[in-house]
Amino acid sequence: MTQPQLELVSLPFFVTGSTDVLASKEVLIHTITHMLETATSNIAIELETGEWVTPKLDREQLPFLDGVMRRYLLRSGTVREDEVTMDDFERARQEERRILGFNGLR
């Protein structure tokens, strides 16, 4: 089993019905190569194509938050599940694409 690593990052949270963005410090949980989630939230990144992707869950290897909002966004087709590498995450930050943390409650 790969041990997850922790990193403090600033993630944007959007205020409902507004274009305001609030930055919040979150603990990003990741392996050496793949982004997983934050300590309290599921996470998604915006791809160059405008699609949203959230890390693929593999409960056999590592525990994940499979939050209600994550399941809703997947069912509605708003986000899709795929491998999300730390390189993908860093590239999205450098290109100022949106990175969202959202409710991780089960």
PDB file of N, CA and C in Angstrom:
ATOM      1  N   MET A   1       0.833  -1.175   0.000  1.00  0.00           N
ATOM      2  CA  MET A   1       0.000   0.000   0.000  1.00  0.00           C
ATOM      3  C   MET A   1       0.884   1.246   0.000  1.00  0.00           C
ATOM      4  N   THR A   2       0.589   2.209  -0.866  1.00  0.00           N
ATOM      5  CA  THR A   2       1.316   3.460  -0.931  1.00  0.00           C
ATOM      6  C   THR A   2       0.843   4.379   0.190  1.00  0.00           C
ATOM      7  N   GLN A   3       1.779   4.942   0.941  1.00  0.00           N
ATOM      8  CA  GLN A   3       1.422   5.851   2.017  1.00  0.00           C
ATOM      9  C   GLN A   3       1.107   7.224   1.427  1.00  0.00           C
ATOM     10  N   PRO A   4      -0.050   7.807   1.778  1.00  0.00           N
ATOM     11  CA  PRO A   4      -0.357   9.145   1.279  1.00  0.00           C
ATOM     12  C   PRO A   4       0.521  10.201   1.932  1.00  0.00           C
ATOM     13  N   GLN A   5       0.742  11.293   1.224  1.00  0.00           N
ATOM     14  CA  GLN A   5       1.493  12.433   1.728  1.00  0.00           C
ATOM     15  C   GLN A   5       0.529  13.579   1.939  1.00  0.00           C
ATOM     16  N   LEU A   6       0.890  14.527   2.787  1.00  0.00           N
ATOM     17  CA  LEU A   6       0.042  15.682   3.077  1.00  0.00           C
ATOM     18  C   LEU A   6       0.758  16.947   2.640  1.00  0.00           C
ATOM     19  N   GLU A   7      -0.004  17.908   2.109  1.00  0.00           N
ATOM     20  CA  GLU A   7       0.562  19.186   1.682  1.00  0.00           C
ATOM     21  C   GLU A   7      -0.500  20.254   1.893  1.00  0.00           C
ATOM     22  N   LEU A   8      -0.143  21.388   2.498  1.00  0.00           N
ATOM     23  CA  LEU A   8      -1.078  22.479   2.711  1.00  0.00           C
ATOM     24  C   LEU A   8      -1.152  23.318   1.441  1.00  0.00           C
ATOM     25  N   VAL A   9      -2.361  23.449   0.873  1.00  0.00           N
ATOM     26  CA  VAL A   9      -2.552  24.231  -0.345  1.00  0.00           C
ATOM     27  C   VAL A   9      -3.735  25.171  -0.156  1.00  0.00           C
ATOM     28  N   SER A  10      -3.819  26.176  -0.990  1.00  0.00           N
ATOM     29  CA  SER A  10      -4.945  27.096  -0.971  1.00  0.00           C
ATOM     30  C   SER A  10      -5.866  26.729  -2.124  1.00  0.00           C
ATOM     31  N   LEU A  11      -7.134  26.423  -1.809  1.00  0.00           N
ATOM     32  CA  LEU A  11      -8.108  26.041  -2.830  1.00  0.00           C
ATOM     33  C   LEU A  11      -9.244  27.047  -2.870  1.00  0.00           C
ATOM     34  N   PRO A  12      -9.789  27.308  -4.062  1.00  0.00           N
ATOM     35  CA  PRO A  12     -10.905  28.245  -4.153  1.00  0.00           C
ATOM     36  C   PRO A  12     -12.232  27.571  -3.830  1.00  0.00           C
ATOM     37  N   PHE A  13     -13.098  28.304  -3.163  1.00  0.00           N
ATOM     38  CA  PHE A  13     -14.471  27.881  -2.940  1.00  0.00           C
ATOM     39  C   PHE A  13     -15.363  28.991  -3.457  1.00  0.00           C
ATOM     40  N   PHE A  14     -16.349  28.658  -4.262  1.00  0.00           N
ATOM     41  CA  PHE A  14     -17.209  29.645  -4.877  1.00  0.00           C
ATOM     42  C   PHE A  14     -18.459  29.845  -4.025  1.00  0.00           C
ATOM     43  N   VAL A  15     -18.841  31.107  -3.846  1.00  0.00           N
ATOM     44  CA  VAL A  15     -20.035  31.439  -3.084  1.00  0.00           C
ATOM     45  C   VAL A  15     -21.235  31.259  -4.008  1.00  0.00           C
ATOM     46  N   THR A  16     -22.235  30.489  -3.567  1.00  0.00           N
ATOM     47  CA  THR A  16     -23.412  30.204  -4.387  1.00  0.00           C
ATOM     48  C   THR A  16     -24.085  31.499  -4.834  1.00  0.00           C
ATOM     49  N   GLY A  17     -24.413  31.580  -6.129  1.00  0.00           N
ATOM     50  CA  GLY A  17     -25.100  32.737  -6.680  1.00  0.00           C
ATOM     51  C   GLY A  17     -24.212  33.953  -6.848  1.00  0.00           C
ATOM     52  N   SER A  18     -22.921  33.781  -6.793  1.00  0.00           N
ATOM     53  CA  SER A  18     -21.995  34.903  -6.868  1.00  0.00           C
ATOM     54  C   SER A  18     -20.777  34.490  -7.688  1.00  0.00           C
ATOM     55  N   THR A  19     -20.027  35.480  -8.118  1.00  0.00           N
ATOM     56  CA  THR A  19     -18.769  35.179  -8.794  1.00  0.00           C
ATOM     57  C   THR A  19     -17.598  35.312  -7.830  1.00  0.00           C
ATOM     58  N   ASP A  20     -17.899  35.601  -6.554  1.00  0.00           N
ATOM     59  CA  ASP A  20     -16.849  35.738  -5.546  1.00  0.00           C
ATOM     60  C   ASP A  20     -16.180  34.396  -5.295  1.00  0.00           C
ATOM     61  N   VAL A  21     -14.891  34.443  -5.108  1.00  0.00           N
ATOM     62  CA  VAL A  21     -14.115  33.248  -4.804  1.00  0.00           C
ATOM     63  C   VAL A  21     -13.430  33.464  -3.454  1.00  0.00           C
ATOM     64  N   LEU A  22     -13.580  32.492  -2.573  1.00  0.00           N
ATOM     65  CA  LEU A  22     -12.914  32.538  -1.281  1.00  0.00           C
ATOM     66  C   LEU A  22     -11.801  31.509  -1.274  1.00  0.00           C
ATOM     67  N   ALA A  23     -10.603  31.927  -0.950  1.00  0.00           N
ATOM     68  CA  ALA A  23      -9.493  30.977  -0.863  1.00  0.00           C
ATOM     69  C   ALA A  23      -9.488  30.381   0.538  1.00  0.00           C
ATOM     70  N   SER A  24      -9.294  29.104   0.602  1.00  0.00           N
ATOM     71  CA  SER A  24      -9.285  28.400   1.877  1.00  0.00           C
ATOM     72  C   SER A  24      -8.072  27.481   1.916  1.00  0.00           C
ATOM     73  N   LYS A  25      -7.411  27.445   3.055  1.00  0.00           N
ATOM     74  CA  LYS A  25      -6.284  26.526   3.200  1.00  0.00           C
ATOM     75  C   LYS A  25      -6.826  25.125   3.425  1.00  0.00           C
ATOM     76  N   GLU A  26      -6.321  24.179   2.714  1.00  0.00           N
ATOM     77  CA  GLU A  26      -6.729  22.783   2.832  1.00  0.00           C
ATOM     78  C   GLU A  26      -5.485  21.909   2.863  1.00  0.00           C
ATOM     79  N   VAL A  27      -5.603  20.761   3.468  1.00  0.00           N
ATOM     80  CA  VAL A  27      -4.535  19.775   3.440  1.00  0.00           C
ATOM     81  C   VAL A  27      -4.812  18.839   2.277  1.00  0.00           C
ATOM     82  N   LEU A  28      -3.968  18.880   1.261  1.00  0.00           N
ATOM     83  CA  LEU A  28      -4.103  18.032   0.089  1.00  0.00           C
ATOM     84  C   LEU A  28      -3.470  16.678   0.394  1.00  0.00           C
ATOM     85  N   ILE A  29      -4.212  15.618   0.154  1.00  0.00           N
ATOM     86  CA  ILE A  29      -3.713  14.272   0.384  1.00  0.00           C
ATOM     87  C   ILE A  29      -3.393  13.665  -0.978  1.00  0.00           C
ATOM     88  N   HIS A  30      -2.149  13.182  -1.120  1.00  0.00           N
ATOM     89  CA  HIS A  30      -1.731  12.652  -2.409  1.00  0.00           C
ATOM     90  C   HIS A  30      -0.652  11.604  -2.222  1.00  0.00           C
ATOM     91  N   THR A  31      -0.473  10.804  -3.248  1.00  0.00           N
ATOM     92  CA  THR A  31       0.672   9.903  -3.282  1.00  0.00           C
ATOM     93  C   THR A  31       1.788  10.667  -3.985  1.00  0.00           C
ATOM     94  N   ILE A  32       2.891  10.041  -4.224  1.00  0.00           N
ATOM     95  CA  ILE A  32       3.979  10.715  -4.934  1.00  0.00           C
ATOM     96  C   ILE A  32       3.515  11.127  -6.330  1.00  0.00           C
ATOM     97  N   THR A  33       2.654  10.333  -6.945  1.00  0.00           N
ATOM     98  CA  THR A  33       2.252  10.598  -8.327  1.00  0.00           C
ATOM     99  C   THR A  33       0.820  11.069  -8.508  1.00  0.00           C
ATOM    100  N   HIS A  34      -0.108  10.752  -7.589  1.00  0.00           N
ATOM    101  CA  HIS A  34      -1.524  11.026  -7.820  1.00  0.00           C
ATOM    102  C   HIS A  34      -2.181  11.845  -6.718  1.00  0.00           C
ATOM    103  N   MET A  35      -3.047  12.779  -7.154  1.00  0.00           N
ATOM    104  CA  MET A  35      -3.853  13.563  -6.236  1.00  0.00           C
ATOM    105  C   MET A  35      -5.007  12.690  -5.758  1.00  0.00           C
ATOM    106  N   LEU A  36      -5.370  12.797  -4.484  1.00  0.00           N
ATOM    107  CA  LEU A  36      -6.442  11.981  -3.941  1.00  0.00           C
ATOM    108  C   LEU A  36      -7.640  12.823  -3.500  1.00  0.00           C
ATOM    109  N   GLU A  37      -7.460  13.659  -2.491  1.00  0.00           N
ATOM    110  CA  GLU A  37      -8.542  14.469  -1.928  1.00  0.00           C
ATOM    111  C   GLU A  37      -7.924  15.447  -0.956  1.00  0.00           C
ATOM    112  N   THR A  38      -8.753  16.220  -0.247  1.00  0.00           N
ATOM    113  CA  THR A  38      -8.238  17.030   0.850  1.00  0.00           C
ATOM    114  C   THR A  38      -8.686  16.370   2.149  1.00  0.00           C
ATOM    115  N   ALA A  39      -8.259  16.941   3.261  1.00  0.00           N
ATOM    116  CA  ALA A  39      -8.599  16.352   4.551  1.00  0.00           C
ATOM    117  C   ALA A  39     -10.099  16.387   4.815  1.00  0.00           C
ATOM    118  N   THR A  40     -10.810  17.352   4.227  1.00  0.00           N
ATOM    119  CA  THR A  40     -12.244  17.478   4.495  1.00  0.00           C
ATOM    120  C   THR A  40     -13.113  17.466   3.239  1.00  0.00           C
ATOM    121  N   SER A  41     -12.505  17.477   2.081  1.00  0.00           N
ATOM    122  CA  SER A  41     -13.271  17.654   0.846  1.00  0.00           C
ATOM    123  C   SER A  41     -12.811  16.701  -0.248  1.00  0.00           C
ATOM    124  N   ASN A  42     -13.739  16.412  -1.131  1.00  0.00           N
ATOM    125  CA  ASN A  42     -13.357  15.811  -2.399  1.00  0.00           C
ATOM    126  C   ASN A  42     -12.847  16.947  -3.264  1.00  0.00           C
ATOM    127  N   ILE A  43     -12.216  16.616  -4.358  1.00  0.00           N
ATOM    128  CA  ILE A  43     -11.580  17.640  -5.174  1.00  0.00           C
ATOM    129  C   ILE A  43     -11.779  17.323  -6.647  1.00  0.00           C
ATOM    130  N   ALA A  44     -11.829  18.367  -7.457  1.00  0.00           N
ATOM    131  CA  ALA A  44     -11.911  18.208  -8.909  1.00  0.00           C
ATOM    132  C   ALA A  44     -11.088  19.308  -9.552  1.00  0.00           C
ATOM    133  N   ILE A  45     -10.522  19.011 -10.715  1.00  0.00           N
ATOM    134  CA  ILE A  45      -9.795  20.035 -11.456  1.00  0.00           C
ATOM    135  C   ILE A  45     -10.443  20.204 -12.827  1.00  0.00           C
ATOM    136  N   GLU A  46     -10.348  21.417 -13.328  1.00  0.00           N
ATOM    137  CA  GLU A  46     -10.854  21.723 -14.657  1.00  0.00           C
ATOM    138  C   GLU A  46      -9.748  21.415 -15.659  1.00  0.00           C
ATOM    139  N   LEU A  47     -10.078  20.630 -16.674  1.00  0.00           N
ATOM    140  CA  LEU A  47      -9.118  20.291 -17.722  1.00  0.00           C
ATOM    141  C   LEU A  47      -9.069  21.399 -18.769  1.00  0.00           C
ATOM    142  N   GLU A  48      -8.093  21.325 -19.652  1.00  0.00           N
ATOM    143  CA  GLU A  48      -7.966  22.303 -20.733  1.00  0.00           C
ATOM    144  C   GLU A  48      -9.222  22.353 -21.592  1.00  0.00           C
ATOM    145  N   THR A  49      -9.934  21.234 -21.680  1.00  0.00           N
ATOM    146  CA  THR A  49     -11.140  21.124 -22.513  1.00  0.00           C
ATOM    147  C   THR A  49     -12.369  21.730 -21.850  1.00  0.00           C
ATOM    148  N   GLY A  50     -12.245  22.119 -20.566  1.00  0.00           N
ATOM    149  CA  GLY A  50     -13.394  22.633 -19.825  1.00  0.00           C
ATOM    150  C   GLY A  50     -14.104  21.552 -19.028  1.00  0.00           C
ATOM    151  N   GLU A  51     -13.736  20.285 -19.264  1.00  0.00           N
ATOM    152  CA  GLU A  51     -14.305  19.183 -18.481  1.00  0.00           C
ATOM    153  C   GLU A  51     -13.771  19.233 -17.065  1.00  0.00           C
ATOM    154  N   TRP A  52     -14.528  18.639 -16.137  1.00  0.00           N
ATOM    155  CA  TRP A  52     -14.092  18.508 -14.748  1.00  0.00           C
ATOM    156  C   TRP A  52     -13.773  17.051 -14.470  1.00  0.00           C
ATOM    157  N   VAL A  53     -12.678  16.814 -13.750  1.00  0.00           N
ATOM    158  CA  VAL A  53     -12.281  15.446 -13.415  1.00  0.00           C
ATOM    159  C   VAL A  53     -11.976  15.371 -11.918  1.00  0.00           C
ATOM    160  N   THR A  54     -12.424  14.273 -11.311  1.00  0.00           N
ATOM    161  CA  THR A  54     -12.163  14.008  -9.901  1.00  0.00           C
ATOM    162  C   THR A  54     -11.395  12.697  -9.809  1.00  0.00           C
ATOM    163  N   PRO A  55     -10.518  12.570  -8.832  1.00  0.00           N
ATOM    164  CA  PRO A  55      -9.705  11.350  -8.753  1.00  0.00           C
ATOM    165  C   PRO A  55     -10.541  10.079  -8.657  1.00  0.00           C
ATOM    166  N   LYS A  56     -10.069   9.077  -9.353  1.00  0.00           N
ATOM    167  CA  LYS A  56     -10.697   7.756  -9.341  1.00  0.00           C
ATOM    168  C   LYS A  56     -10.465   7.108  -7.982  1.00  0.00           C
ATOM    169  N   LEU A  57     -11.507   6.563  -7.389  1.00  0.00           N
ATOM    170  CA  LEU A  57     -11.391   5.930  -6.079  1.00  0.00           C
ATOM    171  C   LEU A  57     -10.926   4.490  -6.214  1.00  0.00           C
ATOM    172  N   ASP A  58     -10.038   4.113  -5.329  1.00  0.00           N
ATOM    173  CA  ASP A  58      -9.591   2.723  -5.254  1.00  0.00           C
ATOM    174  C   ASP A  58      -9.566   2.346  -3.785  1.00  0.00           C
ATOM    175  N   ARG A  59     -10.708   1.934  -3.274  1.00  0.00           N
ATOM    176  CA  ARG A  59     -10.847   1.649  -1.847  1.00  0.00           C
ATOM    177  C   ARG A  59      -9.979   0.486  -1.386  1.00  0.00           C
ATOM    178  N   GLU A  60      -9.565  -0.376  -2.284  1.00  0.00           N
ATOM    179  CA  GLU A  60      -8.736  -1.505  -1.886  1.00  0.00           C
ATOM    180  C   GLU A  60      -7.332  -1.059  -1.495  1.00  0.00           C
ATOM    181  N   GLN A  61      -6.885   0.062  -2.064  1.00  0.00           N
ATOM    182  CA  GLN A  61      -5.533   0.532  -1.759  1.00  0.00           C
ATOM    183  C   GLN A  61      -5.513   1.615  -0.696  1.00  0.00           C
ATOM    184  N   LEU A  62      -6.385   2.592  -0.802  1.00  0.00           N
ATOM    185  CA  LEU A  62      -6.392   3.712   0.131  1.00  0.00           C
ATOM    186  C   LEU A  62      -7.824   4.104   0.474  1.00  0.00           C
ATOM    187  N   PRO A  63      -8.072   4.562   1.692  1.00  0.00           N
ATOM    188  CA  PRO A  63      -9.417   5.043   2.030  1.00  0.00           C
ATOM    189  C   PRO A  63      -9.660   6.404   1.389  1.00  0.00           C
ATOM    190  N   PHE A  64     -10.863   6.627   0.921  1.00  0.00           N
ATOM    191  CA  PHE A  64     -11.235   7.900   0.312  1.00  0.00           C
ATOM    192  C   PHE A  64     -12.556   8.369   0.877  1.00  0.00           C
ATOM    193  N   LEU A  65     -12.770   9.668   0.793  1.00  0.00           N
ATOM    194  CA  LEU A  65     -14.088  10.222   1.058  1.00  0.00           C
ATOM    195  C   LEU A  65     -14.892  10.071  -0.228  1.00  0.00           C
ATOM    196  N   ASP A  66     -15.999   9.371  -0.165  1.00  0.00           N
ATOM    197  CA  ASP A  66     -16.891   9.275  -1.323  1.00  0.00           C
ATOM    198  C   ASP A  66     -18.121  10.089  -0.968  1.00  0.00           C
ATOM    199  N   GLY A  67     -17.941  11.411  -1.010  1.00  0.00           N
ATOM    200  CA  GLY A  67     -18.960  12.328  -0.527  1.00  0.00           C
ATOM    201  C   GLY A  67     -20.232  12.352  -1.354  1.00  0.00           C
ATOM    202  N   VAL A  68     -21.290  12.828  -0.706  1.00  0.00           N
ATOM    203  CA  VAL A  68     -22.604  12.948  -1.333  1.00  0.00           C
ATOM    204  C   VAL A  68     -22.524  13.838  -2.572  1.00  0.00           C
ATOM    205  N   MET A  69     -21.845  14.989  -2.456  1.00  0.00           N
ATOM    206  CA  MET A  69     -21.743  15.909  -3.598  1.00  0.00           C
ATOM    207  C   MET A  69     -20.944  15.273  -4.732  1.00  0.00           C
ATOM    208  N   ARG A  70     -19.895  14.561  -4.406  1.00  0.00           N
ATOM    209  CA  ARG A  70     -19.096  13.878  -5.426  1.00  0.00           C
ATOM    210  C   ARG A  70     -19.952  12.886  -6.191  1.00  0.00           C
ATOM    211  N   ARG A  71     -20.711  12.074  -5.466  1.00  0.00           N
ATOM    212  CA  ARG A  71     -21.581  11.091  -6.121  1.00  0.00           C
ATOM    213  C   ARG A  71     -22.636  11.778  -6.986  1.00  0.00           C
ATOM    214  N   TYR A  72     -23.192  12.892  -6.494  1.00  0.00           N
ATOM    215  CA  TYR A  72     -24.183  13.646  -7.259  1.00  0.00           C
ATOM    216  C   TYR A  72     -23.565  14.191  -8.552  1.00  0.00           C
ATOM    217  N   LEU A  73     -22.376  14.808  -8.442  1.00  0.00           N
ATOM    218  CA  LEU A  73     -21.726  15.389  -9.619  1.00  0.00           C
ATOM    219  C   LEU A  73     -21.350  14.312 -10.641  1.00  0.00           C
ATOM    220  N   LEU A  74     -20.951  13.141 -10.166  1.00  0.00           N
ATOM    221  CA  LEU A  74     -20.639  12.032 -11.076  1.00  0.00           C
ATOM    222  C   LEU A  74     -21.907  11.537 -11.771  1.00  0.00           C
ATOM    223  N   ARG A  75     -22.980  11.330 -11.002  1.00  0.00           N
ATOM    224  CA  ARG A  75     -24.243  10.842 -11.594  1.00  0.00           C
ATOM    225  C   ARG A  75     -24.817  11.826 -12.606  1.00  0.00           C
ATOM    226  N   SER A  76     -24.666  13.127 -12.313  1.00  0.00           N
ATOM    227  CA  SER A  76     -25.230  14.147 -13.206  1.00  0.00           C
ATOM    228  C   SER A  76     -24.358  14.393 -14.428  1.00  0.00           C
ATOM    229  N   GLY A  77     -23.146  13.828 -14.433  1.00  0.00           N
ATOM    230  CA  GLY A  77     -22.244  14.022 -15.570  1.00  0.00           C
ATOM    231  C   GLY A  77     -21.471  15.332 -15.513  1.00  0.00           C
ATOM    232  N   THR A  78     -21.558  16.046 -14.401  1.00  0.00           N
ATOM    233  CA  THR A  78     -20.840  17.311 -14.249  1.00  0.00           C
ATOM    234  C   THR A  78     -19.343  17.084 -14.143  1.00  0.00           C
ATOM    235  N   VAL A  79     -18.952  16.015 -13.463  1.00  0.00           N
ATOM    236  CA  VAL A  79     -17.545  15.621 -13.378  1.00  0.00           C
ATOM    237  C   VAL A  79     -17.432  14.170 -13.802  1.00  0.00           C
ATOM    238  N   ARG A  80     -16.238  13.789 -14.174  1.00  0.00           N
ATOM    239  CA  ARG A  80     -15.993  12.379 -14.463  1.00  0.00           C
ATOM    240  C   ARG A  80     -14.828  11.920 -13.602  1.00  0.00           C
ATOM    241  N   GLU A  81     -14.779  10.637 -13.373  1.00  0.00           N
ATOM    242  CA  GLU A  81     -13.738  10.039 -12.550  1.00  0.00           C
ATOM    243  C   GLU A  81     -12.599   9.581 -13.458  1.00  0.00           C
ATOM    244  N   ASP A  82     -11.362   9.889 -13.062  1.00  0.00           N
ATOM    245  CA  ASP A  82     -10.203   9.474 -13.843  1.00  0.00           C
ATOM    246  C   ASP A  82      -8.964   9.593 -12.961  1.00  0.00           C
ATOM    247  N   GLU A  83      -7.846   9.112 -13.475  1.00  0.00           N
ATOM    248  CA  GLU A  83      -6.570   9.292 -12.794  1.00  0.00           C
ATOM    249  C   GLU A  83      -6.239  10.782 -12.825  1.00  0.00           C
ATOM    250  N   VAL A  84      -5.877  11.348 -11.692  1.00  0.00           N
ATOM    251  CA  VAL A  84      -5.461  12.750 -11.634  1.00  0.00           C
ATOM    252  C   VAL A  84      -4.083  12.767 -10.982  1.00  0.00           C
ATOM    253  N   THR A  85      -3.085  13.111 -11.774  1.00  0.00           N
ATOM    254  CA  THR A  85      -1.720  13.095 -11.264  1.00  0.00           C
ATOM    255  C   THR A  85      -1.388  14.423 -10.580  1.00  0.00           C
ATOM    256  N   MET A  86      -0.346  14.411  -9.807  1.00  0.00           N
ATOM    257  CA  MET A  86       0.127  15.652  -9.201  1.00  0.00           C
ATOM    258  C   MET A  86       0.603  16.613 -10.285  1.00  0.00           C
ATOM    259  N   ASP A  87       1.129  16.087 -11.396  1.00  0.00           N
ATOM    260  CA  ASP A  87       1.501  16.948 -12.529  1.00  0.00           C
ATOM    261  C   ASP A  87       0.268  17.650 -13.096  1.00  0.00           C
ATOM    262  N   ASP A  88      -0.861  16.922 -13.222  1.00  0.00           N
ATOM    263  CA  ASP A  88      -2.115  17.528 -13.692  1.00  0.00           C
ATOM    264  C   ASP A  88      -2.529  18.664 -12.754  1.00  0.00           C
ATOM    265  N   PHE A  89      -2.445  18.390 -11.450  1.00  0.00           N
ATOM    266  CA  PHE A  89      -2.819  19.372 -10.438  1.00  0.00           C
ATOM    267  C   PHE A  89      -1.931  20.614 -10.532  1.00  0.00           C
ATOM    268  N   GLU A  90      -0.622  20.424 -10.600  1.00  0.00           N
ATOM    269  CA  GLU A  90       0.313  21.551 -10.676  1.00  0.00           C
ATOM    270  C   GLU A  90       0.126  22.343 -11.976  1.00  0.00           C
ATOM    271  N   ARG A  91      -0.098  21.646 -13.088  1.00  0.00           N
ATOM    272  CA  ARG A  91      -0.326  22.324 -14.369  1.00  0.00           C
ATOM    273  C   ARG A  91      -1.593  23.175 -14.308  1.00  0.00           C
ATOM    274  N   ALA A  92      -2.645  22.646 -13.696  1.00  0.00           N
ATOM    275  CA  ALA A  92      -3.894  23.406 -13.554  1.00  0.00           C
ATOM    276  C   ALA A  92      -3.659  24.662 -12.717  1.00  0.00           C
ATOM    277  N   ARG A  93      -2.873  24.537 -11.658  1.00  0.00           N
ATOM    278  CA  ARG A  93      -2.562  25.715 -10.829  1.00  0.00           C
ATOM    279  C   ARG A  93      -1.772  26.742 -11.624  1.00  0.00           C
ATOM    280  N   GLN A  94      -0.760  26.296 -12.366  1.00  0.00           N
ATOM    281  CA  GLN A  94       0.077  27.216 -13.140  1.00  0.00           C
ATOM    282  C   GLN A  94      -0.717  27.912 -14.243  1.00  0.00           C
ATOM    283  N   GLU A  95      -1.646  27.192 -14.839  1.00  0.00           N
ATOM    284  CA  GLU A  95      -2.450  27.757 -15.926  1.00  0.00           C
ATOM    285  C   GLU A  95      -3.689  28.472 -15.404  1.00  0.00           C
ATOM    286  N   GLU A  96      -3.800  28.564 -14.072  1.00  0.00           N
ATOM    287  CA  GLU A  96      -4.904  29.251 -13.403  1.00  0.00           C
ATOM    288  C   GLU A  96      -6.268  28.694 -13.792  1.00  0.00           C
ATOM    289  N   ARG A  97      -6.295  27.367 -14.011  1.00  0.00           N
ATOM    290  CA  ARG A  97      -7.585  26.707 -14.206  1.00  0.00           C
ATOM    291  C   ARG A  97      -8.211  26.480 -12.842  1.00  0.00           C
ATOM    292  N   ARG A  98      -9.504  26.254 -12.826  1.00  0.00           N
ATOM    293  CA  ARG A  98     -10.205  26.099 -11.548  1.00  0.00           C
ATOM    294  C   ARG A  98      -9.916  24.738 -10.912  1.00  0.00           C
ATOM    295  N   ILE A  99      -9.722  24.772  -9.609  1.00  0.00           N
ATOM    296  CA  ILE A  99      -9.540  23.580  -8.780  1.00  0.00           C
ATOM    297  C   ILE A  99     -10.526  23.736  -7.634  1.00  0.00           C
ATOM    298  N   LEU A 100     -11.420  22.785  -7.500  1.00  0.00           N
ATOM    299  CA  LEU A 100     -12.481  22.921  -6.511  1.00  0.00           C
ATOM    300  C   LEU A 100     -12.424  21.847  -5.440  1.00  0.00           C
ATOM    301  N   GLY A 101     -12.648  22.266  -4.221  1.00  0.00           N
ATOM    302  CA  GLY A 101     -12.912  21.345  -3.124  1.00  0.00           C
ATOM    303  C   GLY A 101     -14.401  21.409  -2.854  1.00  0.00           C
ATOM    304  N   PHE A 102     -15.026  20.269  -2.622  1.00  0.00           N
ATOM    305  CA  PHE A 102     -16.464  20.273  -2.331  1.00  0.00           C
ATOM    306  C   PHE A 102     -16.790  19.230  -1.287  1.00  0.00           C
ATOM    307  N   ASN A 103     -17.933  19.387  -0.695  1.00  0.00           N
ATOM    308  CA  ASN A 103     -18.406  18.595   0.442  1.00  0.00           C
ATOM    309  C   ASN A 103     -17.987  17.133   0.354  1.00  0.00           C
ATOM    310  N   GLY A 104     -17.284  16.674   1.382  1.00  0.00           N
ATOM    311  CA  GLY A 104     -16.834  15.294   1.424  1.00  0.00           C
ATOM    312  C   GLY A 104     -17.666  14.416   2.343  1.00  0.00           C
ATOM    313  N   LEU A 105     -18.805  14.944   2.849  1.00  0.00           N
ATOM    314  CA  LEU A 105     -19.650  14.127   3.733  1.00  0.00           C
ATOM    315  C   LEU A 105     -20.178  12.909   3.021  1.00  0.00           C
ATOM    316  N   ARG A 106     -20.232  11.811   3.732  1.00  0.00           N
ATOM    317  CA  ARG A 106     -20.755  10.566   3.141  1.00  0.00           C
ATOM    318  C   ARG A 106     -22.226  10.436   3.374  1.00  0.00           C
TER     319      ARG A 106
END
